[in-house]
Protein backbone atom coordinates (compact mmCIF):
# COMPACT_ATOMS: atom_id res chain seq x y z
CA MET A 1 -17.71 -9.23 7.37
CA ILE A 2 -15.79 -10.23 4.25
CA SER A 3 -12.11 -9.93 5.13
CA ALA A 4 -8.83 -11.36 3.90
CA SER A 5 -5.40 -12.46 4.97
CA TRP A 6 -3.84 -9.48 3.24
CA LYS A 7 -4.55 -6.65 0.81
CA SER A 8 -5.62 -7.61 -2.74
CA ALA A 9 -6.47 -11.21 -1.83
CA GLY A 10 -9.88 -10.89 -3.49
CA LYS A 11 -12.29 -9.68 -0.80
CA THR A 12 -13.73 -6.94 -3.04
CA THR A 13 -14.42 -9.41 -5.84
CA VAL A 14 -16.14 -11.80 -3.43
CA SER A 15 -18.08 -8.93 -1.83
CA LEU A 16 -19.32 -7.70 -5.21
CA GLY A 17 -20.29 -11.20 -6.31
CA LEU A 18 -22.20 -11.84 -3.08
CA LEU A 19 -23.96 -8.47 -3.19
CA ARG A 20 -25.17 -9.13 -6.73
CA LEU A 21 -26.33 -12.65 -5.88
CA LEU A 22 -28.21 -11.42 -2.81
CA ALA A 23 -29.88 -8.69 -4.86
CA GLU A 24 -30.83 -11.17 -7.59
CA ASN A 25 -32.34 -13.47 -4.95
CA GLY A 26 -34.47 -10.66 -3.54
CA VAL A 27 -32.60 -10.43 -0.25
CA PRO A 28 -32.59 -6.86 1.13
CA VAL A 29 -28.99 -6.00 2.00
CA VAL A 30 -27.16 -2.94 3.29
CA SER A 31 -23.45 -2.82 2.53
CA PHE A 32 -20.62 -1.16 4.43
CA LYS A 33 -16.95 -0.54 3.76
CA LYS A 34 -14.46 -0.54 6.60
CA GLY A 35 -12.11 2.47 6.36
CA PRO A 36 -12.26 5.86 4.66
CA ASP A 37 -12.30 4.56 1.07
CA TYR A 38 -14.67 6.13 -1.48
CA ILE A 39 -14.06 3.86 -4.48
CA ASP A 40 -15.06 0.41 -3.23
CA PRO A 41 -18.45 1.80 -2.08
CA MET A 42 -19.09 2.99 -5.65
CA TRP A 43 -18.65 -0.60 -6.84
CA HIS A 44 -20.91 -1.83 -4.02
CA ARG A 45 -23.66 0.52 -5.16
CA VAL A 46 -23.58 -0.91 -8.69
CA ALA A 47 -23.53 -4.49 -7.41
CA SER A 48 -26.40 -4.13 -4.93
CA SER A 49 -28.36 -1.14 -6.32
CA GLY A 50 -28.24 0.23 -2.78
CA GLU A 51 -26.11 2.66 -0.82
CA CYS A 52 -22.82 1.67 0.80
CA TYR A 53 -21.73 3.33 4.06
CA ASN A 54 -18.27 3.76 5.59
CA LEU A 55 -17.22 2.61 9.05
CA ASP A 56 -13.85 3.81 10.33
CA THR A 57 -13.12 3.33 14.01
CA TRP A 58 -10.03 5.58 14.03
CA MET A 59 -11.70 8.50 12.29
CA MET A 60 -15.24 8.17 13.66
CA GLY A 61 -14.71 6.46 17.00
CA GLU A 62 -16.20 3.15 18.13
CA ALA A 63 -19.50 4.54 19.45
CA ALA A 64 -20.17 6.52 16.26
CA CYS A 65 -19.29 3.49 14.10
CA ARG A 66 -21.69 1.29 16.03
CA ASP A 67 -24.48 3.86 15.91
CA THR A 68 -23.88 4.63 12.22
CA PHE A 69 -24.09 0.90 11.48
CA ILE A 70 -27.35 0.49 13.41
CA ARG A 71 -28.85 3.66 11.97
CA ASN A 72 -28.18 2.74 8.35
CA CYS A 73 -29.36 -0.86 8.80
CA ALA A 74 -32.59 0.55 10.23
CA ARG A 75 -33.17 2.43 6.96
CA ARG A 76 -34.04 -0.97 5.41
CA PRO A 77 -36.07 -2.98 7.94
CA GLY A 78 -35.52 -6.71 7.64
CA SER A 79 -32.25 -6.30 5.75
CA ILE A 80 -28.98 -8.13 6.28
CA ALA A 81 -25.63 -6.31 6.43
CA LEU A 82 -22.45 -7.10 4.53
CA ILE A 83 -19.25 -5.33 5.61
CA GLU A 84 -16.18 -5.40 3.39
CA GLY A 85 -13.01 -5.08 5.45
CA ASN A 86 -9.89 -3.24 4.35
CA HIS A 87 -6.31 -4.48 4.05
CA GLY A 88 -5.72 -7.70 6.00
CA LEU A 89 -7.96 -8.80 8.85
CA HIS A 90 -5.53 -7.64 11.55
CA ASP A 91 -3.83 -4.74 9.74
CA GLY A 92 -4.03 -1.37 11.47
CA MET A 93 -2.07 1.36 13.23
CA ASP A 94 -3.05 0.42 16.78
CA MET A 95 -0.96 -2.41 18.25
CA ALA A 96 -4.05 -3.63 20.10
CA GLY A 97 -5.87 -3.88 16.76
CA ALA A 98 -8.86 -1.72 17.68
CA ASP A 99 -8.71 0.10 14.33
CA SER A 100 -8.30 -3.07 12.24
CA SER A 101 -11.02 -4.95 10.38
CA ALA A 102 -10.90 -7.49 13.20
CA GLY A 103 -11.50 -4.66 15.68
CA LEU A 104 -14.60 -3.58 13.77
CA ALA A 105 -15.86 -7.17 13.48
CA ALA A 106 -15.41 -7.57 17.25
CA LEU A 107 -17.19 -4.27 17.91
CA LEU A 108 -20.19 -5.36 15.84
CA ASP A 109 -19.93 -9.06 16.80
CA ALA A 110 -19.87 -9.94 13.10
CA PRO A 111 -18.83 -13.41 11.92
CA VAL A 112 -15.99 -13.21 9.40
CA LEU A 113 -15.88 -14.88 5.99
CA LEU A 114 -12.16 -15.00 5.24
CA VAL A 115 -10.84 -14.81 1.67
CA ILE A 116 -7.45 -16.51 1.27
CA ASP A 117 -5.08 -15.98 -1.65
CA SER A 118 -4.27 -19.64 -2.38
CA ARG A 119 -1.30 -19.07 -4.66
CA ARG A 120 2.05 -20.62 -3.71
CA MET A 121 0.62 -22.63 -0.77
CA ASN A 122 -0.83 -26.04 0.02
CA ARG A 123 -1.40 -27.45 3.55
CA GLY A 124 0.56 -24.53 5.03
CA VAL A 125 -2.49 -22.36 4.44
CA ALA A 126 -3.84 -23.72 7.73
CA ALA A 127 -1.00 -22.02 9.63
CA GLN A 128 -2.12 -18.72 8.18
CA VAL A 129 -5.72 -19.23 9.25
CA LEU A 130 -4.63 -20.42 12.72
CA GLY A 131 -2.58 -17.25 13.17
CA LEU A 132 -5.52 -15.06 12.18
CA GLN A 133 -7.75 -16.97 14.60
CA ALA A 134 -5.31 -16.58 17.49
CA MET A 135 -4.30 -12.94 17.09
CA PRO A 136 -6.22 -10.34 19.12
CA PRO A 137 -8.70 -8.87 18.81
CA LYS A 138 -10.16 -12.34 18.43
CA VAL A 139 -13.05 -12.77 16.04
CA ARG A 140 -14.97 -15.79 14.86
CA ILE A 141 -13.80 -16.83 11.43
CA ALA A 142 -16.97 -18.63 10.37
CA GLY A 143 -15.86 -19.70 6.90
CA VAL A 144 -13.07 -19.52 4.36
CA ILE A 145 -13.14 -18.93 0.62
CA LEU A 146 -10.04 -19.97 -1.31
CA ASN A 147 -9.27 -17.58 -4.15
CA HIS A 148 -6.88 -17.85 -7.12
CA VAL A 149 -6.89 -21.66 -6.83
CA THR A 150 -4.62 -23.16 -9.49
CA SER A 151 -5.68 -26.84 -9.42
CA SER A 152 -8.11 -29.30 -7.87
CA ARG A 153 -5.17 -30.95 -6.11
CA GLN A 154 -4.19 -27.68 -4.46
CA GLU A 155 -7.80 -27.06 -3.44
CA SER A 156 -8.20 -30.49 -1.83
CA LYS A 157 -4.99 -30.08 0.20
CA GLN A 158 -5.92 -26.62 1.42
CA ARG A 159 -9.51 -27.57 2.18
CA ALA A 160 -8.46 -30.62 4.21
CA ALA A 161 -5.79 -28.67 6.14
CA ILE A 162 -8.10 -25.78 7.08
CA GLU A 163 -11.00 -27.98 8.09
CA THR A 164 -8.74 -30.38 10.05
CA PHE A 165 -6.52 -27.94 11.93
CA CYS A 166 -8.67 -24.79 12.11
CA ASN A 167 -12.13 -26.32 12.53
CA VAL A 168 -13.48 -23.85 9.97
CA PRO A 169 -15.49 -24.87 6.89
CA VAL A 170 -14.18 -23.98 3.45
CA LEU A 171 -17.23 -22.53 1.70
CA GLY A 172 -15.75 -21.93 -1.72
CA ALA A 173 -12.77 -22.30 -4.01
CA ILE A 174 -12.59 -19.80 -6.86
CA PRO A 175 -10.13 -20.67 -9.64
CA ALA A 176 -7.51 -18.25 -10.87
CA ASP A 177 -9.12 -16.05 -13.52
CA SER A 178 -7.50 -13.03 -15.14
CA SER A 179 -10.93 -11.56 -15.92
CA LEU A 180 -11.50 -11.23 -12.15
CA LEU A 181 -8.70 -8.75 -11.60
CA LEU A 182 -10.11 -5.33 -10.82
CA PRO A 183 -8.28 -2.48 -12.56
CA GLU A 184 -6.25 -0.30 -10.20
CA ARG A 185 -4.71 3.16 -10.25
CA HIS A 186 -2.68 5.32 -7.87
CA LEU A 187 -5.62 5.67 -5.44
CA GLY A 188 -6.50 1.96 -5.53
CA LEU A 189 -9.31 0.68 -7.76
CA VAL A 190 -10.49 2.78 -10.66
CA THR A 191 -13.91 4.30 -10.10
CA VAL A 192 -16.98 2.66 -11.57
CA GLY A 193 -17.31 5.55 -14.02
CA GLU A 194 -13.79 5.01 -15.36
CA ALA A 195 -13.98 1.21 -15.64
CA SER A 196 -14.65 0.09 -19.19
CA ASP A 197 -17.42 -2.28 -18.14
CA ALA A 198 -18.07 -2.40 -14.41
CA GLU A 199 -21.37 -4.20 -14.88
CA ALA A 200 -19.71 -7.03 -16.83
CA PHE A 201 -17.07 -7.48 -14.13
CA ILE A 202 -19.69 -7.67 -11.36
CA ARG A 203 -21.74 -10.12 -13.39
CA VAL A 204 -18.73 -12.43 -13.83
CA ALA A 205 -17.88 -12.11 -10.12
CA ALA A 206 -21.43 -13.17 -9.22
CA GLN A 207 -21.27 -16.11 -11.62
CA GLN A 208 -17.98 -17.32 -10.15
CA VAL A 209 -19.23 -17.03 -6.57
CA GLU A 210 -22.43 -18.85 -7.50
CA ARG A 211 -20.56 -21.58 -9.37
CA HIS A 212 -17.68 -22.18 -6.97
CA CYS A 213 -19.04 -21.25 -3.51
CA ASP A 214 -21.74 -22.64 -1.22
CA PHE A 215 -24.08 -19.67 -1.44
CA ALA A 216 -26.69 -21.23 0.87
CA ALA A 217 -24.10 -21.82 3.62
CA ILE A 218 -22.74 -18.28 3.22
CA ARG A 219 -26.26 -16.89 3.42
CA LYS A 220 -26.72 -18.64 6.80
CA LEU A 221 -23.67 -16.84 8.23
CA PHE A 222 -25.65 -13.58 8.28
CA GLU A 223 -28.13 -15.17 10.69
CA GLU A 224 -25.34 -16.00 13.16
CA ALA A 225 -24.58 -12.34 13.95
CA SER A 226 -25.87 -11.12 17.30
CA PRO A 227 -28.60 -8.44 17.37
CA LEU A 228 -27.24 -4.97 18.08
CA SER A 229 -28.71 -1.99 19.87
CA HIS A 230 -27.40 1.48 20.69
CA SER A 231 -25.04 1.18 23.63
CA GLU A 232 -26.23 4.47 25.10
CA PRO A 233 -28.52 7.34 24.04
CA ARG A 234 -26.57 9.48 21.59
CA GLU A 235 -27.22 11.57 18.51
CA VAL A 236 -24.65 10.94 15.80
CA PHE A 237 -26.85 12.86 13.38
CA SER A 238 -29.67 15.31 14.08
CA PRO A 239 -33.31 14.37 13.55
CA LYS A 240 -34.52 15.35 10.10
CA LYS A 241 -35.67 18.95 9.71
CA GLU A 242 -37.76 20.58 7.02
CA ALA A 243 -35.64 21.87 4.14
CA THR A 244 -34.88 25.58 4.51
CA VAL A 245 -31.91 26.04 2.13
CA LYS A 246 -30.59 24.66 -1.15
CA ILE A 247 -27.00 23.41 -1.24
CA GLY A 248 -25.43 22.67 -4.63
CA VAL A 249 -23.27 19.54 -4.78
CA PHE A 250 -20.76 18.99 -7.59
CA ARG A 251 -21.38 15.38 -8.58
CA ASP A 252 -20.02 13.80 -11.73
CA ALA A 253 -17.02 11.75 -12.88
CA ALA A 254 -14.56 14.45 -11.73
CA PHE A 255 -16.15 15.06 -8.31
CA CYS A 256 -17.47 11.77 -6.95
CA PHE A 257 -16.03 11.40 -3.44
CA TYR A 258 -18.92 11.90 -1.03
CA TYR A 259 -19.81 9.91 2.05
CA PRO A 260 -23.54 9.09 1.89
CA ASP A 261 -23.74 9.92 5.60
CA ASN A 262 -22.52 13.47 4.84
CA LEU A 263 -25.26 14.01 2.29
CA ASP A 264 -27.84 12.51 4.65
CA ALA A 265 -26.57 14.73 7.49
CA LEU A 266 -27.07 17.85 5.34
CA ARG A 267 -30.60 16.75 4.44
CA ASP A 268 -31.38 16.00 8.07
CA ALA A 269 -30.08 19.47 9.05
CA GLY A 270 -32.52 21.15 6.65
CA ALA A 271 -30.80 21.21 3.24
CA GLU A 272 -32.26 20.34 -0.12
CA LEU A 273 -29.38 19.04 -2.23
CA VAL A 274 -29.08 20.18 -5.84
CA PHE A 275 -26.63 18.01 -7.80
CA ILE A 276 -24.50 19.80 -10.38
CA ASP A 277 -22.73 18.19 -13.35
CA THR A 278 -19.67 20.35 -14.03
CA PHE A 279 -19.40 19.05 -17.60
CA LYS A 280 -22.92 20.13 -18.57
CA THR A 281 -23.60 23.16 -16.35
CA THR A 282 -22.48 26.60 -17.52
CA ALA A 283 -23.96 28.60 -14.64
CA LEU A 284 -24.79 27.68 -11.07
CA PRO A 285 -28.48 27.35 -10.19
CA GLU A 286 -30.12 29.41 -7.46
CA ILE A 287 -28.56 27.91 -4.36
CA ASP A 288 -27.57 29.04 -0.87
CA GLY A 289 -24.40 26.98 -0.43
CA LEU A 290 -21.89 24.85 -2.35
CA TYR A 291 -20.30 21.47 -1.59
CA LEU A 292 -17.33 20.56 -3.80
CA GLY A 293 -16.16 17.03 -3.02
CA GLY A 294 -13.03 15.17 -4.01
CA GLY A 295 -12.42 12.90 -6.95
CA PHE A 296 -10.16 12.88 -9.98
CA PRO A 297 -10.24 16.36 -11.52
CA GLU A 298 -6.82 15.66 -13.08
CA SER A 299 -8.47 13.16 -15.43
CA PHE A 300 -10.79 15.90 -16.71
CA PHE A 301 -8.75 19.12 -16.63
CA ALA A 302 -9.39 19.72 -20.34
CA GLU A 303 -13.17 19.71 -19.85
CA LEU A 304 -13.13 21.57 -16.53
CA SER A 305 -10.79 24.28 -17.80
CA ALA A 306 -12.78 24.73 -21.01
CA ASN A 307 -16.01 25.45 -19.09
CA THR A 308 -15.01 29.08 -18.52
CA SER A 309 -18.55 30.30 -17.88
CA LEU A 310 -18.94 27.97 -14.88
CA LEU A 311 -15.49 28.92 -13.58
CA ARG A 312 -16.42 32.60 -13.86
CA ASP A 313 -19.77 32.09 -12.16
CA MET A 314 -18.05 30.16 -9.36
CA ARG A 315 -15.70 33.11 -8.72
CA GLY A 316 -18.62 35.51 -8.60
CA ARG A 317 -20.65 33.42 -6.17
CA ILE A 318 -17.78 32.97 -3.72
CA GLU A 319 -16.87 36.65 -3.90
CA ALA A 320 -20.52 37.38 -3.11
CA GLY A 321 -20.14 35.35 0.08
CA ILE A 322 -21.91 32.07 -0.65
CA PRO A 323 -20.75 29.46 1.91
CA ALA A 324 -18.69 26.83 0.11
CA TRP A 325 -17.06 23.65 1.39
CA ALA A 326 -14.31 22.23 -0.85
CA GLU A 327 -12.40 18.98 -0.24
CA CYS A 328 -9.23 17.98 -2.12
CA GLY A 329 -10.46 17.89 -5.74
CA GLY A 330 -12.78 20.77 -4.90
CA LEU A 331 -9.86 22.76 -3.49
CA ILE A 332 -7.84 22.11 -6.67
CA TYR A 333 -10.74 23.28 -8.85
CA LEU A 334 -10.83 26.61 -6.98
CA CYS A 335 -7.10 27.31 -7.43
CA ARG A 336 -5.56 29.51 -10.09
CA SER A 337 -4.09 26.61 -12.06
CA ALA A 338 -2.99 22.98 -11.87
CA THR A 339 -0.08 21.30 -13.62
CA TRP A 340 -0.67 17.69 -14.60
CA GLU A 341 1.61 15.55 -16.81
CA GLY A 342 3.61 18.58 -17.91
CA ARG A 343 0.67 20.81 -18.87
CA GLN A 344 -0.72 23.72 -16.88
CA TRP A 345 -4.51 24.16 -16.81
CA PRO A 346 -6.21 27.43 -15.81
CA LEU A 347 -8.97 26.90 -13.24
CA ALA A 348 -11.38 29.00 -11.15
CA SER A 349 -8.80 31.42 -9.65
CA VAL A 350 -10.79 31.83 -6.45
CA LEU A 351 -7.62 30.96 -4.52
CA PRO A 352 -4.38 32.66 -5.72
CA ILE A 353 -2.50 29.35 -5.71
CA ASP A 354 -0.93 27.15 -8.38
CA ILE A 355 -1.11 23.40 -7.81
CA ALA A 356 1.20 20.73 -9.25
CA TYR A 357 1.11 16.95 -9.16
CA GLN A 358 4.11 14.78 -8.29
CA ARG A 359 4.99 11.10 -8.65
CA LYS A 360 4.67 10.23 -4.96
CA PRO A 361 1.79 11.14 -2.64
CA ALA A 362 2.16 14.50 -0.92
CA GLY A 363 -0.28 13.38 1.75
CA CYS A 364 -1.43 9.82 2.35
CA GLY A 365 -3.36 8.48 5.35
CA TYR A 366 -5.09 9.83 8.39
CA LEU A 367 -5.08 13.47 9.45
CA GLU A 368 -5.45 14.96 12.88
CA LEU A 369 -6.15 18.68 12.88
CA GLU A 370 -6.56 21.35 15.54
CA SER A 371 -8.55 24.50 14.84
CA ARG A 372 -6.41 27.56 15.45
CA ALA A 373 -9.01 30.12 14.40
CA GLY A 374 -12.69 30.62 15.00
CA SER A 375 -14.86 30.61 11.90
CA GLY A 376 -18.37 29.75 10.86
CA TRP A 377 -17.10 26.23 10.19
CA PHE A 378 -15.17 25.37 13.38
CA PRO A 379 -14.57 26.92 16.81
CA VAL A 380 -11.07 27.60 18.13
CA GLY A 381 -9.40 24.57 19.68
CA GLU A 382 -11.62 21.88 18.15
CA ARG A 383 -9.66 18.74 17.23
CA VAL A 384 -10.81 16.91 14.12
CA ARG A 385 -9.91 13.55 12.60
CA ALA A 386 -10.02 13.12 8.82
CA HIS A 387 -7.99 11.49 6.05
CA GLU A 388 -6.08 12.55 2.92
CA PHE A 389 -4.70 10.99 -0.26
CA HIS A 390 -3.33 13.45 -2.78
CA TYR A 391 -0.43 13.64 -5.19
CA SER A 392 -0.67 17.41 -5.54
CA LYS A 393 0.37 20.38 -3.44
CA PRO A 394 0.81 24.16 -3.83
CA VAL A 395 3.92 25.17 -5.74
CA ALA A 396 3.38 28.90 -6.24
CA GLY A 397 1.12 31.73 -5.21
CA ASN A 398 -0.09 33.12 -1.94
CA VAL A 399 -0.23 30.19 0.46
CA ASP A 400 -0.25 32.59 3.42
CA LEU A 401 -4.02 32.88 3.35
CA ALA A 402 -5.81 32.37 6.66
CA CYS A 403 -5.99 28.70 7.62
CA GLN A 404 -8.41 26.92 9.91
CA PHE A 405 -6.11 24.18 11.17
CA ASP A 406 -2.69 23.31 12.49
CA VAL A 407 -1.72 19.81 11.38
CA ALA A 408 -0.96 17.48 14.31
CA ARG A 409 -0.75 14.37 12.10
CA GLY A 410 -0.43 14.10 8.32
CA PHE A 411 0.48 16.67 5.67
CA GLY A 412 -2.58 18.71 4.70
CA LEU A 413 -1.84 21.77 2.59
CA THR A 414 1.76 22.51 3.54
CA GLY A 415 2.77 19.94 6.15
CA ARG A 416 1.97 22.42 8.92
CA GLU A 417 -1.50 23.76 8.15
CA ASP A 418 -4.69 23.03 6.27
CA GLY A 419 -8.15 24.46 5.66
CA LEU A 420 -7.92 27.70 3.69
CA LEU A 421 -10.43 30.36 4.69
CA TYR A 422 -11.59 33.02 2.24
CA ARG A 423 -14.86 34.90 2.74
CA ASN A 424 -17.30 32.04 3.47
CA LEU A 425 -15.14 29.41 1.74
CA PHE A 426 -13.44 26.51 3.51
CA ALA A 427 -11.02 24.62 1.22
CA SER A 428 -8.95 21.69 2.45
CA TYR A 429 -7.05 18.59 1.38
CA ALA A 430 -8.81 16.74 4.20
CA HIS A 431 -11.80 14.47 3.70
CA PHE A 432 -14.24 14.69 6.62
CA HIS A 433 -16.97 12.31 7.78
CA ALA A 434 -20.09 13.76 9.39
CA ALA A 435 -20.08 11.16 12.18
CA ALA A 436 -16.60 12.34 13.19
CA ASN A 437 -17.78 15.98 13.08
CA PRO A 438 -21.33 15.99 14.47
CA GLY A 439 -21.78 19.77 14.24
CA TRP A 440 -20.60 20.12 10.63
CA ALA A 441 -23.94 19.77 8.82
CA GLU A 442 -25.78 22.13 11.16
CA ARG A 443 -23.04 24.75 10.78
CA PHE A 444 -23.09 24.42 6.99
CA VAL A 445 -26.87 24.79 6.83
CA GLY A 446 -26.71 27.70 9.31
CA LEU A 447 -24.23 29.56 7.10
CA ALA A 448 -26.39 28.87 4.04
CA LEU A 449 -29.50 30.13 5.81
CA LYS A 450 -27.72 33.31 6.88
CA PHE A 451 -26.54 33.89 3.29
CA LYS A 452 -30.07 33.31 1.99
CA GLU A 453 -31.56 35.77 4.46
CA GLN A 454 -28.95 38.41 3.66
CA GLY A 455 -29.82 38.08 -0.01
CA ARG A 456 -33.50 38.49 0.78
CA LEU A 457 -32.79 41.66 2.82
CA GLU A 458 -30.69 43.13 0.00
CA ARG A 459 -33.48 42.50 -2.51
CA ASP A 460 -36.05 44.07 -0.19
């Protein structure tokens, strides 16, 4: 695991540099991101040319995290695994630290490579490392990389202090470099698609890691992790079935928030995925279901609103009963309009709701939801964990539509409820992970199959 003393210390930069170096050296690697984040995994994919998977102990549970880790490592036999932590090593909601990066490292028995922000410290940096070593859950900090080092004198003092008092080797010292500052926005890093030159940044990160770190020693840390096996027989995802339905997936710069495990779960449940670019498509293809993920539609309202033929076709398909799953950005797209930076944009008008953005997040963090109604998507009484991060909320229209969930934690749609239900549409501000909702993919494919068969009967 690549972790850090605190947020924005440089763990993403180091992770990207290492992933690129490993790829360039022909080392098969599977990458993971601790937490519910979508954006860092996009950068991982560019750096490694491989998929990046999420592990979130609060949302998914420890057993599902462990099994998801093992399952995705097994996709690439002989590979090593790099996990990027989130926030600081011991940051989390649980006082015992089970949901922290340290908790995940302990669960997977992963040695930790700690990235330290060296600014404004000298020998006192050892006190910081000692505290991280001592705090439960205890993990093995196997090496330290100093980042933002301002001088060779500072580096020598910090290196000597850490190696003397903490008994941990310093495996790198990366100098302060303004070109190694990843661009950020209100949701964290900008996406790869919005960065002016993501490839150039990753290339520089790899060069700095190669030049200023002991790559051979870091490579050996992967071999120190204990072998893992499933703790008990359990099916996080179903065995792969033959494709019986086609599910369209909006996937472009506006709609780019998808967990790879969700897409894999749909395929395993019997779906063929048909990816749809909302900027280039004017009519939906022949499909049996729709998956509209999150992203940044607000950055592309002009293009989305101008594609009136796709908006019209979307209305017609949902009115005809096609099962559709819409998360956050997908929900916004299906509303009547959205107001962003003082301008109102007409959208699909499937839902009679107007959305507006505000300066502060309307919902930010984890969600806990309880199903108050039975539907094709969820049974009554099912409790679900998810997460949300949105600056928008309904400001006008009919928000009294049927809802799937009462909100036990978080904000959701109104602060009290979430998950709008209309015909076969489920639209929510929540982002869901398939490992936290094992029946989701099968239910989605089942609804799509039923819709497909009804269409066949009508034609006959």
